[in-house]
């Protein structure tokens, strides 16, 4: 699955958490979470599951929408 970094960031903001708070909740540092939200790195499966649970979302909500060719 390709992750949409904007969807990760928007879910966190909608839930009202800072990067630091969200990062601590899923066991990573804020720099790592920032890299995920900026598309520089991709979270592992377990981290996606943890983020989805934290934000009350389904992991499919973080999937990048593919453009039709």
Protein backbone atom coordinates (compact mmCIF):
# COMPACT_ATOMS: atom_id res chain seq x y z
CA UNK A 1 0.00 0.00 0.00
CA UNK A 2 1.23 3.46 -0.86
CA UNK A 3 0.64 5.87 2.01
CA UNK A 4 -0.68 9.39 1.44
CA UNK A 5 1.40 11.62 3.75
CA UNK A 6 -1.22 14.37 3.62
CA UNK A 7 -3.84 11.94 4.92
CA UNK A 8 -1.60 11.05 7.88
CA UNK A 9 -1.09 14.70 8.76
CA UNK A 10 -4.75 15.61 8.33
CA UNK A 11 -5.89 12.72 10.54
CA UNK A 12 -3.55 13.88 13.30
CA UNK A 13 -4.72 17.47 13.03
CA UNK A 14 -8.37 16.42 12.99
CA UNK A 15 -7.76 14.42 16.15
CA UNK A 16 -6.14 17.45 17.79
CA UNK A 17 -2.70 16.04 18.53
CA UNK A 18 0.72 17.57 18.13
CA UNK A 19 3.38 15.61 16.31
CA UNK A 20 5.09 14.99 19.62
CA UNK A 21 1.93 13.59 21.21
CA UNK A 22 1.14 11.31 18.28
CA UNK A 23 4.74 10.14 17.99
CA UNK A 24 4.92 9.27 21.67
CA UNK A 25 1.63 7.36 21.45
CA UNK A 26 2.95 5.08 18.69
CA UNK A 27 6.48 4.74 20.03
CA UNK A 28 8.52 6.81 17.57
CA UNK A 29 10.17 10.20 17.79
CA UNK A 30 8.62 13.37 16.37
CA UNK A 31 11.22 13.52 13.56
CA UNK A 32 10.09 10.11 12.32
CA UNK A 33 6.43 11.13 12.37
CA UNK A 34 7.32 14.34 10.54
CA UNK A 35 9.16 12.31 7.88
CA UNK A 36 6.04 10.15 7.39
CA UNK A 37 3.79 13.20 7.10
CA UNK A 38 6.14 14.84 4.61
CA UNK A 39 6.47 11.71 2.46
CA UNK A 40 10.19 11.31 3.14
CA UNK A 41 9.68 7.90 4.77
CA UNK A 42 6.88 5.37 4.90
CA UNK A 43 5.59 3.97 8.19
CA UNK A 44 5.73 0.22 8.70
CA UNK A 45 2.53 -1.76 8.81
CA UNK A 46 2.33 -1.94 12.58
CA UNK A 47 2.80 1.81 12.87
CA UNK A 48 -0.02 2.39 10.38
CA UNK A 49 -2.26 0.15 12.46
CA UNK A 50 -1.30 2.04 15.63
CA UNK A 51 -1.89 5.42 13.97
CA UNK A 52 -5.25 4.29 12.64
CA UNK A 53 -6.27 3.12 16.11
CA UNK A 54 -5.04 6.32 17.71
CA UNK A 55 -6.95 8.51 15.27
CA UNK A 56 -10.05 6.28 15.18
CA UNK A 57 -9.55 5.58 11.47
CA UNK A 58 -9.06 2.57 9.20
CA UNK A 59 -5.65 2.06 7.61
CA UNK A 60 -7.29 2.30 4.17
CA UNK A 61 -7.97 5.97 4.99
CA UNK A 62 -4.22 6.53 4.67
CA UNK A 63 -3.90 4.92 1.23
CA UNK A 64 -2.78 7.16 -1.60
CA UNK A 65 -5.40 7.57 -4.29
CA UNK A 66 -3.99 6.40 -7.58
CA UNK A 67 -4.55 8.61 -10.59
CA UNK A 68 -6.19 6.85 -13.56
CA UNK A 69 -3.88 6.65 -16.57
